[in-house]
Amino acid sequence: RETIIQPQKDNLIEQILKDLAALADRDLAEQKRKEIEEEKDKTLNAFLGNPANRKFIDKALENPELKKKLESIEIAGYKNVHNTFSVASGYPGGFKPVQWKNQVSASDLRTTVVKNDAGDELCTLNETTVKTKPFTVAKQDSTQVQISSYREIDFPIKLDKADGSMHLSMVALKADGTKPSKDKAVYFTAHYEEGPNGKP
């Protein structure tokens, strides 16, 4: 995750520094620039986590070029993680597609039991397809898509059963219910640390 988060932080700080250079209040700009420089060799968590700096972060995030950079870093990072640490790449216990069992009812419910390498049950995932009155959603590229159904997945808040770490990456399906190409895939991810009752 650090190979994704650190480049995103670096790009965000770079944009904040550009925005500070254009700030009319030179004293405030210099104060904030010094805060960033003092933390430069650290994680910058103190600067980014300070509520007083939220307006600088929000302004930087309004920049469309920065948004594209952050998105491409995340896409490339997760693509690398999923390819490197997959069962298909020979990584034991790595990423593999969820093997949903057949639909068990007319409500479009699917379920699967997730197990650790020892075969102990970690959790049960339930997916429900929800049909809805069609509505239109504007996409990031300004095109629109009509939605008439979506899926809900009940992710566990903690692992109540056997020990083990678990990382879930669920791809958002296209409007017709099929998987998008890997270069256009969007994932919801949840990570549970190894140990008793791993927590996300």
N, C-alpha and C. Protein backbone atom coordinates (compact mmCIF):
# COMPACT_ATOMS: atom_id res chain seq x y z
N ARG A 1 0.82 -1.20 0.00
CA ARG A 1 0.00 0.00 0.00
C ARG A 1 0.86 1.26 0.00
N GLU A 2 2.03 1.18 0.62
CA GLU A 2 2.88 2.37 0.70
C GLU A 2 3.34 2.81 -0.69
N THR A 3 3.48 1.86 -1.64
CA THR A 3 3.88 2.23 -3.00
C THR A 3 2.78 3.00 -3.72
N ILE A 4 1.58 2.95 -3.17
CA ILE A 4 0.46 3.72 -3.73
C ILE A 4 0.32 5.04 -2.96
N ILE A 5 0.30 4.94 -1.63
CA ILE A 5 0.00 6.10 -0.79
C ILE A 5 1.09 7.17 -0.85
N GLN A 6 2.37 6.77 -0.78
CA GLN A 6 3.44 7.78 -0.76
C GLN A 6 3.50 8.60 -2.04
N PRO A 7 3.43 7.99 -3.23
CA PRO A 7 3.41 8.84 -4.44
C PRO A 7 2.18 9.76 -4.49
N GLN A 8 1.04 9.29 -3.95
CA GLN A 8 -0.14 10.15 -3.92
C GLN A 8 0.11 11.34 -2.98
N LYS A 9 0.71 11.09 -1.81
CA LYS A 9 1.03 12.17 -0.89
C LYS A 9 1.99 13.16 -1.55
N ASP A 10 3.02 12.64 -2.22
CA ASP A 10 4.00 13.50 -2.87
C ASP A 10 3.36 14.42 -3.90
N ASN A 11 2.46 13.87 -4.71
CA ASN A 11 1.77 14.68 -5.72
C ASN A 11 0.84 15.70 -5.09
N LEU A 12 0.16 15.30 -4.01
CA LEU A 12 -0.73 16.23 -3.31
C LEU A 12 0.07 17.39 -2.73
N ILE A 13 1.19 17.10 -2.07
CA ILE A 13 2.02 18.15 -1.48
C ILE A 13 2.59 19.06 -2.57
N GLU A 14 2.99 18.48 -3.70
CA GLU A 14 3.50 19.28 -4.81
C GLU A 14 2.45 20.29 -5.27
N GLN A 15 1.19 19.86 -5.35
CA GLN A 15 0.12 20.77 -5.77
C GLN A 15 -0.15 21.82 -4.68
N ILE A 16 -0.11 21.41 -3.42
CA ILE A 16 -0.32 22.38 -2.32
C ILE A 16 0.77 23.45 -2.37
N LEU A 17 2.02 23.04 -2.61
CA LEU A 17 3.11 24.03 -2.69
C LEU A 17 2.90 24.99 -3.86
N LYS A 18 2.41 24.49 -5.00
CA LYS A 18 2.10 25.37 -6.14
C LYS A 18 1.00 26.36 -5.77
N ASP A 19 -0.04 25.86 -5.07
CA ASP A 19 -1.14 26.73 -4.66
C ASP A 19 -0.67 27.77 -3.65
N LEU A 20 0.23 27.37 -2.75
CA LEU A 20 0.75 28.32 -1.75
C LEU A 20 1.55 29.43 -2.43
N ALA A 21 2.26 29.11 -3.48
CA ALA A 21 3.06 30.12 -4.20
C ALA A 21 2.18 31.21 -4.78
N ALA A 22 0.93 30.88 -5.07
CA ALA A 22 0.01 31.86 -5.65
C ALA A 22 -0.85 32.56 -4.59
N LEU A 23 -0.67 32.20 -3.34
CA LEU A 23 -1.49 32.75 -2.26
C LEU A 23 -1.13 34.21 -1.99
N ALA A 24 -2.15 35.04 -1.82
CA ALA A 24 -1.92 36.48 -1.58
C ALA A 24 -1.32 36.73 -0.20
N ASP A 25 -1.72 35.95 0.80
CA ASP A 25 -1.21 36.11 2.16
C ASP A 25 0.17 35.44 2.23
N ARG A 26 1.21 36.22 1.98
CA ARG A 26 2.57 35.68 1.90
C ARG A 26 3.04 35.09 3.22
N ASP A 27 2.65 35.68 4.35
CA ASP A 27 3.06 35.15 5.66
C ASP A 27 2.49 33.76 5.88
N LEU A 28 1.20 33.59 5.59
CA LEU A 28 0.55 32.28 5.74
C LEU A 28 1.18 31.27 4.79
N ALA A 29 1.42 31.69 3.56
CA ALA A 29 2.02 30.80 2.57
C ALA A 29 3.39 30.31 3.04
N GLU A 30 4.20 31.22 3.57
CA GLU A 30 5.54 30.86 4.05
C GLU A 30 5.46 29.95 5.27
N GLN A 31 4.51 30.22 6.16
CA GLN A 31 4.33 29.37 7.36
C GLN A 31 3.98 27.94 6.95
N LYS A 32 3.06 27.79 6.02
CA LYS A 32 2.64 26.46 5.58
C LYS A 32 3.75 25.75 4.79
N ARG A 33 4.50 26.52 4.00
CA ARG A 33 5.61 25.93 3.25
C ARG A 33 6.66 25.38 4.21
N LYS A 34 6.93 26.13 5.32
CA LYS A 34 7.90 25.67 6.32
C LYS A 34 7.40 24.40 7.02
N GLU A 35 6.10 24.35 7.33
CA GLU A 35 5.53 23.14 7.96
C GLU A 35 5.78 21.92 7.08
N ILE A 36 5.56 22.10 5.80
CA ILE A 36 5.75 20.98 4.85
C ILE A 36 7.23 20.61 4.78
N GLU A 37 8.12 21.61 4.69
CA GLU A 37 9.56 21.33 4.59
C GLU A 37 10.07 20.61 5.83
N GLU A 38 9.59 21.00 7.01
CA GLU A 38 10.03 20.36 8.26
C GLU A 38 9.63 18.89 8.31
N GLU A 39 8.54 18.56 7.65
CA GLU A 39 8.05 17.18 7.66
C GLU A 39 8.45 16.40 6.42
N LYS A 40 9.14 17.04 5.49
CA LYS A 40 9.41 16.45 4.18
C LYS A 40 10.01 15.05 4.27
N ASP A 41 10.93 14.84 5.21
CA ASP A 41 11.57 13.54 5.33
C ASP A 41 10.76 12.56 6.17
N LYS A 42 9.62 13.02 6.67
CA LYS A 42 8.74 12.15 7.45
C LYS A 42 7.57 11.75 6.56
N THR A 43 6.50 11.34 7.15
CA THR A 43 5.35 10.86 6.36
C THR A 43 4.41 11.97 5.95
N LEU A 44 4.57 13.16 6.47
CA LEU A 44 3.69 14.30 6.24
C LEU A 44 2.31 14.07 6.86
N ASN A 45 2.18 13.06 7.72
CA ASN A 45 0.88 12.77 8.33
C ASN A 45 0.41 13.91 9.23
N ALA A 46 1.33 14.57 9.91
CA ALA A 46 0.94 15.67 10.81
C ALA A 46 0.34 16.82 10.00
N PHE A 47 1.00 17.18 8.89
CA PHE A 47 0.48 18.27 8.05
C PHE A 47 -0.85 17.88 7.43
N LEU A 48 -0.91 16.70 6.83
CA LEU A 48 -2.14 16.28 6.14
C LEU A 48 -3.27 15.99 7.11
N GLY A 49 -2.95 15.60 8.34
CA GLY A 49 -3.97 15.29 9.33
C GLY A 49 -4.44 16.47 10.15
N ASN A 50 -3.82 17.63 9.97
CA ASN A 50 -4.18 18.83 10.73
C ASN A 50 -5.42 19.47 10.12
N PRO A 51 -6.55 19.55 10.86
CA PRO A 51 -7.78 20.15 10.31
C PRO A 51 -7.57 21.58 9.80
N ALA A 52 -6.62 22.30 10.37
CA ALA A 52 -6.37 23.68 9.93
C ALA A 52 -5.82 23.72 8.50
N ASN A 53 -5.29 22.61 8.02
CA ASN A 53 -4.73 22.56 6.67
C ASN A 53 -5.72 22.00 5.65
N ARG A 54 -6.92 21.68 6.09
CA ARG A 54 -7.91 21.05 5.20
C ARG A 54 -8.21 21.90 3.97
N LYS A 55 -8.27 23.23 4.14
CA LYS A 55 -8.61 24.09 3.00
C LYS A 55 -7.54 24.02 1.91
N PHE A 56 -6.26 23.84 2.31
CA PHE A 56 -5.18 23.73 1.32
C PHE A 56 -5.26 22.39 0.59
N ILE A 57 -5.59 21.35 1.34
CA ILE A 57 -5.74 20.01 0.76
C ILE A 57 -6.92 19.99 -0.20
N ASP A 58 -8.06 20.54 0.24
CA ASP A 58 -9.26 20.56 -0.61
C ASP A 58 -9.02 21.33 -1.90
N LYS A 59 -8.32 22.47 -1.78
CA LYS A 59 -8.02 23.27 -2.98
C LYS A 59 -7.15 22.47 -3.94
N ALA A 60 -6.14 21.81 -3.41
CA ALA A 60 -5.25 21.00 -4.26
C ALA A 60 -6.02 19.89 -4.96
N LEU A 61 -6.95 19.28 -4.24
CA LEU A 61 -7.72 18.17 -4.80
C LEU A 61 -8.73 18.61 -5.85
N GLU A 62 -8.98 19.91 -5.95
CA GLU A 62 -9.86 20.43 -7.00
C GLU A 62 -9.16 20.45 -8.36
N ASN A 63 -7.84 20.34 -8.35
CA ASN A 63 -7.07 20.41 -9.60
C ASN A 63 -7.29 19.13 -10.41
N PRO A 64 -7.85 19.23 -11.63
CA PRO A 64 -8.15 18.04 -12.43
C PRO A 64 -6.91 17.21 -12.78
N GLU A 65 -5.78 17.89 -13.02
CA GLU A 65 -4.55 17.15 -13.35
C GLU A 65 -4.09 16.33 -12.15
N LEU A 66 -4.19 16.90 -10.95
CA LEU A 66 -3.80 16.16 -9.75
C LEU A 66 -4.73 14.95 -9.56
N LYS A 67 -6.02 15.15 -9.76
CA LYS A 67 -6.98 14.04 -9.65
C LYS A 67 -6.58 12.89 -10.57
N LYS A 68 -6.22 13.23 -11.81
CA LYS A 68 -5.82 12.20 -12.77
C LYS A 68 -4.56 11.48 -12.31
N LYS A 69 -3.57 12.26 -11.79
CA LYS A 69 -2.33 11.65 -11.31
C LYS A 69 -2.60 10.68 -10.16
N LEU A 70 -3.40 11.14 -9.18
CA LEU A 70 -3.70 10.29 -8.02
C LEU A 70 -4.42 9.02 -8.45
N GLU A 71 -5.34 9.17 -9.37
CA GLU A 71 -6.10 8.01 -9.86
C GLU A 71 -5.18 7.04 -10.59
N SER A 72 -4.29 7.55 -11.44
CA SER A 72 -3.40 6.66 -12.19
C SER A 72 -2.41 5.96 -11.27
N ILE A 73 -1.95 6.63 -10.21
CA ILE A 73 -1.06 6.00 -9.23
C ILE A 73 -1.78 4.85 -8.55
N GLU A 74 -3.03 5.10 -8.16
CA GLU A 74 -3.80 4.05 -7.47
C GLU A 74 -4.07 2.87 -8.39
N ILE A 75 -4.47 3.15 -9.63
CA ILE A 75 -4.76 2.07 -10.58
C ILE A 75 -3.51 1.23 -10.82
N ALA A 76 -2.38 1.90 -11.10
CA ALA A 76 -1.14 1.18 -11.37
C ALA A 76 -0.68 0.40 -10.14
N GLY A 77 -0.81 1.01 -8.97
CA GLY A 77 -0.38 0.35 -7.73
C GLY A 77 -1.17 -0.90 -7.44
N TYR A 78 -2.49 -0.80 -7.51
CA TYR A 78 -3.32 -1.98 -7.23
C TYR A 78 -3.18 -3.04 -8.32
N LYS A 79 -2.99 -2.60 -9.55
CA LYS A 79 -2.77 -3.57 -10.63
C LYS A 79 -1.51 -4.38 -10.33
N ASN A 80 -0.46 -3.69 -9.91
CA ASN A 80 0.80 -4.36 -9.55
C ASN A 80 0.60 -5.31 -8.37
N VAL A 81 -0.10 -4.85 -7.33
CA VAL A 81 -0.35 -5.70 -6.17
C VAL A 81 -1.14 -6.94 -6.56
N HIS A 82 -2.21 -6.75 -7.33
CA HIS A 82 -3.05 -7.89 -7.71
C HIS A 82 -2.32 -8.87 -8.62
N ASN A 83 -1.46 -8.35 -9.51
CA ASN A 83 -0.71 -9.24 -10.39
C ASN A 83 0.42 -9.96 -9.64
N THR A 84 1.14 -9.25 -8.80
CA THR A 84 2.28 -9.82 -8.08
C THR A 84 1.85 -10.86 -7.05
N PHE A 85 0.80 -10.55 -6.31
CA PHE A 85 0.40 -11.41 -5.20
C PHE A 85 -0.83 -12.24 -5.51
N SER A 86 -0.90 -12.76 -6.72
CA SER A 86 -2.05 -13.59 -7.09
C SER A 86 -1.67 -15.06 -7.07
N VAL A 87 -2.66 -15.89 -6.88
CA VAL A 87 -2.46 -17.34 -6.95
C VAL A 87 -1.97 -17.69 -8.36
N ALA A 88 -2.54 -17.02 -9.37
CA ALA A 88 -2.16 -17.29 -10.76
C ALA A 88 -0.68 -17.01 -11.01
N SER A 89 -0.08 -16.08 -10.24
CA SER A 89 1.35 -15.77 -10.39
C SER A 89 2.22 -16.67 -9.51
N GLY A 90 1.59 -17.64 -8.86
CA GLY A 90 2.34 -18.58 -8.03
C GLY A 90 2.53 -18.15 -6.59
N TYR A 91 1.84 -17.08 -6.16
CA TYR A 91 1.97 -16.62 -4.78
C TYR A 91 1.01 -17.43 -3.90
N PRO A 92 1.54 -18.23 -2.97
CA PRO A 92 0.65 -19.06 -2.14
C PRO A 92 -0.26 -18.20 -1.26
N GLY A 93 -1.53 -18.54 -1.24
CA GLY A 93 -2.50 -17.80 -0.44
C GLY A 93 -2.82 -16.43 -1.00
N GLY A 94 -2.46 -16.19 -2.26
CA GLY A 94 -2.64 -14.88 -2.87
C GLY A 94 -4.05 -14.64 -3.38
N PHE A 95 -4.19 -13.54 -4.12
CA PHE A 95 -5.48 -13.15 -4.68
C PHE A 95 -6.00 -14.20 -5.65
N LYS A 96 -7.28 -14.43 -5.57
CA LYS A 96 -7.95 -15.32 -6.52
C LYS A 96 -9.39 -14.87 -6.63
N PRO A 97 -10.03 -15.16 -7.76
CA PRO A 97 -11.43 -14.75 -7.91
C PRO A 97 -12.32 -15.41 -6.86
N VAL A 98 -13.33 -14.67 -6.42
CA VAL A 98 -14.31 -15.23 -5.48
C VAL A 98 -15.13 -16.28 -6.22
N GLN A 99 -15.25 -17.42 -5.62
CA GLN A 99 -16.06 -18.50 -6.20
C GLN A 99 -17.45 -18.46 -5.56
N TRP A 100 -18.32 -17.63 -6.14
CA TRP A 100 -19.67 -17.52 -5.61
C TRP A 100 -20.42 -18.83 -5.85
N LYS A 101 -21.16 -19.25 -4.84
CA LYS A 101 -21.99 -20.43 -5.02
C LYS A 101 -23.20 -20.02 -5.87
N ASN A 102 -23.92 -20.99 -6.40
CA ASN A 102 -25.11 -20.68 -7.21
C ASN A 102 -26.08 -19.83 -6.40
N GLN A 103 -26.89 -19.08 -7.10
CA GLN A 103 -27.90 -18.27 -6.43
C GLN A 103 -28.78 -19.19 -5.59
N VAL A 104 -29.05 -18.77 -4.37
CA VAL A 104 -29.78 -19.64 -3.46
C VAL A 104 -31.24 -19.25 -3.28
N SER A 105 -31.65 -18.15 -3.90
CA SER A 105 -33.06 -17.77 -3.77
C SER A 105 -33.43 -16.85 -4.92
N ALA A 106 -34.70 -16.56 -5.02
CA ALA A 106 -35.21 -15.69 -6.08
C ALA A 106 -34.78 -14.24 -5.86
N SER A 107 -34.23 -13.91 -4.69
CA SER A 107 -33.82 -12.54 -4.41
C SER A 107 -32.42 -12.23 -4.95
N ASP A 108 -31.89 -13.12 -5.78
CA ASP A 108 -30.56 -12.92 -6.36
C ASP A 108 -29.46 -12.84 -5.31
N LEU A 109 -29.52 -13.69 -4.31
CA LEU A 109 -28.51 -13.76 -3.26
C LEU A 109 -27.48 -14.82 -3.62
N ARG A 110 -26.21 -14.43 -3.53
CA ARG A 110 -25.12 -15.40 -3.70
C ARG A 110 -24.29 -15.36 -2.43
N THR A 111 -23.63 -16.45 -2.13
CA THR A 111 -22.84 -16.52 -0.92
C THR A 111 -21.57 -17.31 -1.17
N THR A 112 -20.55 -17.05 -0.38
CA THR A 112 -19.33 -17.84 -0.42
C THR A 112 -18.67 -17.80 0.95
N VAL A 113 -18.04 -18.91 1.30
CA VAL A 113 -17.30 -19.00 2.56
C VAL A 113 -15.83 -18.76 2.23
N VAL A 114 -15.20 -17.82 2.96
CA VAL A 114 -13.78 -17.52 2.76
C VAL A 114 -13.01 -18.25 3.86
N LYS A 115 -11.97 -19.00 3.43
CA LYS A 115 -11.17 -19.80 4.37
C LYS A 115 -9.71 -19.36 4.33
N ASN A 116 -9.01 -19.59 5.44
CA ASN A 116 -7.57 -19.32 5.44
C ASN A 116 -6.83 -20.51 4.85
N ASP A 117 -5.50 -20.42 4.79
CA ASP A 117 -4.72 -21.49 4.16
C ASP A 117 -4.86 -22.83 4.87
N ALA A 118 -5.20 -22.80 6.16
CA ALA A 118 -5.38 -24.04 6.93
C ALA A 118 -6.76 -24.65 6.70
N GLY A 119 -7.61 -23.93 5.95
CA GLY A 119 -8.95 -24.43 5.68
C GLY A 119 -9.98 -24.01 6.71
N ASP A 120 -9.59 -23.16 7.67
CA ASP A 120 -10.53 -22.68 8.68
C ASP A 120 -11.35 -21.53 8.10
N GLU A 121 -12.62 -21.47 8.45
CA GLU A 121 -13.50 -20.42 7.94
C GLU A 121 -13.15 -19.07 8.56
N LEU A 122 -12.97 -18.07 7.70
CA LEU A 122 -12.73 -16.70 8.15
C LEU A 122 -14.03 -15.91 8.22
N CYS A 123 -14.85 -16.05 7.18
CA CYS A 123 -16.11 -15.33 7.14
C CYS A 123 -16.97 -15.87 6.00
N THR A 124 -18.20 -15.43 5.96
CA THR A 124 -19.10 -15.73 4.85
C THR A 124 -19.46 -14.40 4.20
N LEU A 125 -19.27 -14.32 2.89
CA LEU A 125 -19.66 -13.12 2.14
C LEU A 125 -21.00 -13.38 1.48
N ASN A 126 -21.90 -12.41 1.57
CA ASN A 126 -23.19 -12.49 0.91
C ASN A 126 -23.30 -11.33 -0.08
N GLU A 127 -23.71 -11.66 -1.29
CA GLU A 127 -23.92 -10.65 -2.32
C GLU A 127 -25.38 -10.70 -2.76
N THR A 128 -26.02 -9.55 -2.78
CA THR A 128 -27.40 -9.45 -3.22
C THR A 128 -27.49 -8.49 -4.39
N THR A 129 -28.16 -8.91 -5.45
CA THR A 129 -28.43 -8.01 -6.57
C THR A 129 -29.73 -7.28 -6.28
N VAL A 130 -29.66 -5.96 -6.23
CA VAL A 130 -30.82 -5.14 -5.91
C VAL A 130 -31.33 -4.51 -7.20
N LYS A 131 -32.56 -4.80 -7.53
CA LYS A 131 -33.17 -4.19 -8.72
C LYS A 131 -33.88 -2.92 -8.27
N THR A 132 -33.73 -1.87 -9.04
CA THR A 132 -34.28 -0.58 -8.66
C THR A 132 -34.93 0.10 -9.86
N LYS A 133 -35.72 1.10 -9.58
CA LYS A 133 -36.28 1.92 -10.65
C LYS A 133 -35.10 2.58 -11.36
N PRO A 134 -35.04 2.53 -12.68
CA PRO A 134 -33.88 3.10 -13.40
C PRO A 134 -33.63 4.57 -13.04
N PHE A 135 -32.35 4.88 -12.84
CA PHE A 135 -31.94 6.26 -12.60
C PHE A 135 -30.63 6.51 -13.34
N THR A 136 -30.34 7.77 -13.62
CA THR A 136 -29.18 8.14 -14.41
C THR A 136 -28.10 8.71 -13.50
N VAL A 137 -26.85 8.30 -13.76
CA VAL A 137 -25.70 8.76 -12.99
C VAL A 137 -24.69 9.37 -13.96
N ALA A 138 -24.15 10.53 -13.58
CA ALA A 138 -23.11 11.17 -14.39
C ALA A 138 -21.77 10.58 -14.01
N LYS A 139 -21.01 10.14 -15.01
CA LYS A 139 -19.69 9.58 -14.76
C LYS A 139 -18.65 10.70 -14.74
N GLN A 140 -17.44 10.35 -14.30
CA GLN A 140 -16.37 11.33 -14.17
C GLN A 140 -16.02 11.99 -15.50
N ASP A 141 -16.20 11.25 -16.61
CA ASP A 141 -15.87 11.81 -17.93
C ASP A 141 -17.04 12.59 -18.54
N SER A 142 -18.05 12.91 -17.73
CA SER A 142 -19.24 13.68 -18.11
C SER A 142 -20.27 12.91 -18.93
N THR A 143 -20.01 11.64 -19.25
CA THR A 143 -21.04 10.84 -19.90
C THR A 143 -21.99 10.35 -18.82
N GLN A 144 -23.13 9.83 -19.25
CA GLN A 144 -24.12 9.36 -18.29
C GLN A 144 -24.42 7.88 -18.54
N VAL A 145 -24.79 7.22 -17.47
CA VAL A 145 -25.15 5.81 -17.56
C VAL A 145 -26.43 5.59 -16.75
N GLN A 146 -27.28 4.71 -17.25
CA GLN A 146 -28.53 4.43 -16.55
C GLN A 146 -28.35 3.17 -15.71
N ILE A 147 -28.75 3.24 -14.45
CA ILE A 147 -28.62 2.14 -13.51
C ILE A 147 -30.01 1.58 -13.20
N SER A 148 -30.14 0.27 -13.31
CA SER A 148 -31.42 -0.36 -12.96
C SER A 148 -31.23 -1.46 -11.92
N SER A 149 -29.96 -1.77 -11.61
CA SER A 149 -29.68 -2.72 -10.54
C SER A 149 -28.26 -2.48 -10.06
N TYR A 150 -27.99 -2.90 -8.85
CA TYR A 150 -26.66 -2.80 -8.29
C TYR A 150 -26.48 -3.95 -7.32
N ARG A 151 -25.24 -4.18 -6.89
CA ARG A 151 -25.03 -5.28 -5.95
C ARG A 151 -24.59 -4.75 -4.60
N GLU A 152 -25.04 -5.42 -3.59
CA GLU A 152 -24.64 -5.12 -2.22
C GLU A 152 -23.87 -6.32 -1.71
N ILE A 153 -22.71 -6.08 -1.11
CA ILE A 153 -21.92 -7.16 -0.52
C ILE A 153 -21.76 -6.84 0.96
N ASP A 154 -22.12 -7.78 1.79
CA ASP A 154 -21.99 -7.61 3.24
C ASP A 154 -20.56 -7.96 3.64
N PHE A 155 -19.73 -6.93 3.78
CA PHE A 155 -18.35 -7.14 4.22
C PHE A 155 -18.33 -7.23 5.74
N PRO A 156 -17.54 -8.14 6.30
CA PRO A 156 -17.48 -8.23 7.76
C PRO A 156 -16.77 -7.02 8.36
N ILE A 157 -17.20 -6.62 9.53
CA ILE A 157 -16.52 -5.53 10.25
C ILE A 157 -15.27 -6.07 10.92
N LYS A 158 -15.32 -7.32 11.38
CA LYS A 158 -14.15 -8.01 11.90
C LYS A 158 -14.32 -9.48 11.60
N LEU A 159 -13.22 -10.21 11.72
CA LEU A 159 -13.27 -11.64 11.48
C LEU A 159 -13.57 -12.34 12.80
N ASP A 160 -14.73 -12.95 12.90
CA ASP A 160 -15.15 -13.56 14.16
C ASP A 160 -14.65 -14.98 14.35
N LYS A 161 -14.16 -15.57 13.28
CA LYS A 161 -13.85 -16.99 13.37
C LYS A 161 -12.34 -17.20 13.44
N ALA A 162 -11.78 -18.01 12.57
CA ALA A 162 -10.36 -18.37 12.63
C ALA A 162 -9.45 -17.16 12.39
N ASP A 163 -8.21 -17.29 12.85
CA ASP A 163 -7.21 -16.25 12.61
C ASP A 163 -6.77 -16.25 11.16
N GLY A 164 -6.25 -15.14 10.72
CA GLY A 164 -5.69 -15.04 9.38
C GLY A 164 -5.93 -13.66 8.81
N SER A 165 -5.01 -13.21 7.98
CA SER A 165 -5.24 -11.92 7.33
C SER A 165 -6.07 -12.17 6.08
N MET A 166 -6.78 -11.15 5.66
CA MET A 166 -7.62 -11.28 4.48
C MET A 166 -7.65 -9.93 3.78
N HIS A 167 -7.52 -9.96 2.47
CA HIS A 167 -7.63 -8.74 1.67
C HIS A 167 -8.67 -9.01 0.61
N LEU A 168 -9.70 -8.20 0.57
CA LEU A 168 -10.75 -8.33 -0.44
C LEU A 168 -10.63 -7.16 -1.42
N SER A 169 -10.68 -7.46 -2.68
CA SER A 169 -10.74 -6.44 -3.73
C SER A 169 -11.87 -6.85 -4.66
N MET A 170 -12.96 -6.13 -4.58
CA MET A 170 -14.14 -6.46 -5.38
C MET A 170 -14.28 -5.44 -6.50
N VAL A 171 -14.33 -5.94 -7.74
CA VAL A 171 -14.41 -5.06 -8.89
C VAL A 171 -15.84 -4.55 -9.06
N ALA A 172 -15.95 -3.29 -9.43
CA ALA A 172 -17.27 -2.73 -9.77
C ALA A 172 -17.62 -3.20 -11.17
N LEU A 173 -18.78 -3.80 -11.32
CA LEU A 173 -19.19 -4.34 -12.62
C LEU A 173 -19.72 -3.23 -13.52
N LYS A 174 -19.68 -3.50 -14.83
CA LYS A 174 -20.23 -2.55 -15.79
C LYS A 174 -21.76 -2.57 -15.71
N ALA A 175 -22.39 -1.64 -16.37
CA ALA A 175 -23.85 -1.51 -16.31
C ALA A 175 -24.56 -2.79 -16.73
N ASP A 176 -23.95 -3.56 -17.63
CA ASP A 176 -24.60 -4.81 -18.07
C ASP A 176 -24.26 -6.01 -17.18
N GLY A 177 -23.53 -5.76 -16.08
CA GLY A 177 -23.22 -6.83 -15.13
C GLY A 177 -21.96 -7.60 -15.45
N THR A 178 -21.23 -7.20 -16.48
CA THR A 178 -19.99 -7.89 -16.83
C THR A 178 -18.80 -7.17 -16.22
N LYS A 179 -17.66 -7.87 -16.16
CA LYS A 179 -16.44 -7.27 -15.63
C LYS A 179 -15.84 -6.32 -16.67
N PRO A 180 -15.33 -5.17 -16.22
CA PRO A 180 -14.64 -4.27 -17.14
C PRO A 180 -13.25 -4.81 -17.46
N SER A 181 -12.62 -4.25 -18.48
CA SER A 181 -11.24 -4.63 -18.78
C SER A 181 -10.36 -4.22 -17.60
N LYS A 182 -9.23 -4.90 -17.42
CA LYS A 182 -8.37 -4.65 -16.27
C LYS A 182 -7.91 -3.19 -16.19
N ASP A 183 -7.69 -2.55 -17.33
CA ASP A 183 -7.21 -1.17 -17.31
C ASP A 183 -8.30 -0.17 -16.93
N LYS A 184 -9.57 -0.61 -16.90
CA LYS A 184 -10.66 0.29 -16.53
C LYS A 184 -11.36 -0.16 -15.24
N ALA A 185 -10.84 -1.19 -14.60
CA ALA A 185 -11.48 -1.74 -13.41
C ALA A 185 -11.36 -0.79 -12.22
N VAL A 186 -12.43 -0.71 -11.44
CA VAL A 186 -12.47 0.06 -10.20
C VAL A 186 -12.77 -0.94 -9.09
N TYR A 187 -11.98 -0.90 -8.01
CA TYR A 187 -12.11 -1.88 -6.95
C TYR A 187 -12.52 -1.25 -5.63
N PHE A 188 -13.33 -1.98 -4.88
CA PHE A 188 -13.55 -1.67 -3.47
C PHE A 188 -12.64 -2.63 -2.72
N THR A 189 -11.82 -2.11 -1.80
CA THR A 189 -10.91 -2.99 -1.09
C THR A 189 -11.12 -2.90 0.41
N ALA A 190 -10.88 -4.01 1.08
CA ALA A 190 -10.92 -4.06 2.55
C ALA A 190 -9.80 -4.99 2.99
N HIS A 191 -9.06 -4.59 4.01
CA HIS A 191 -7.94 -5.40 4.48
C HIS A 191 -8.12 -5.70 5.97
N TYR A 192 -7.89 -6.96 6.32
CA TYR A 192 -8.01 -7.41 7.70
C TYR A 192 -6.65 -7.94 8.13
N GLU A 193 -6.14 -7.43 9.24
CA GLU A 193 -4.82 -7.82 9.71
C GLU A 193 -4.85 -9.20 10.35
N GLU A 194 -3.72 -9.89 10.23
CA GLU A 194 -3.61 -11.22 10.82
C GLU A 194 -3.60 -11.09 12.34
N GLY A 195 -4.22 -12.03 13.01
CA GLY A 195 -4.27 -12.05 14.47
C GLY A 195 -5.66 -12.38 14.91
N PRO A 196 -5.85 -12.55 16.22
CA PRO A 196 -7.19 -12.88 16.71
C PRO A 196 -8.19 -11.83 16.26
N ASN A 197 -9.27 -12.29 15.65
CA ASN A 197 -10.33 -11.39 15.19
C ASN A 197 -9.76 -10.21 14.41
N GLY A 198 -9.06 -10.53 13.32
CA GLY A 198 -8.45 -9.49 12.49
C GLY A 198 -9.42 -8.35 12.23
N LYS A 199 -8.91 -7.13 12.24
CA LYS A 199 -9.76 -5.95 12.06
C LYS A 199 -9.35 -5.23 10.78
N PRO A 200 -10.32 -4.64 10.05
CA PRO A 200 -9.99 -3.94 8.80
C PRO A 200 -9.23 -2.65 9.09
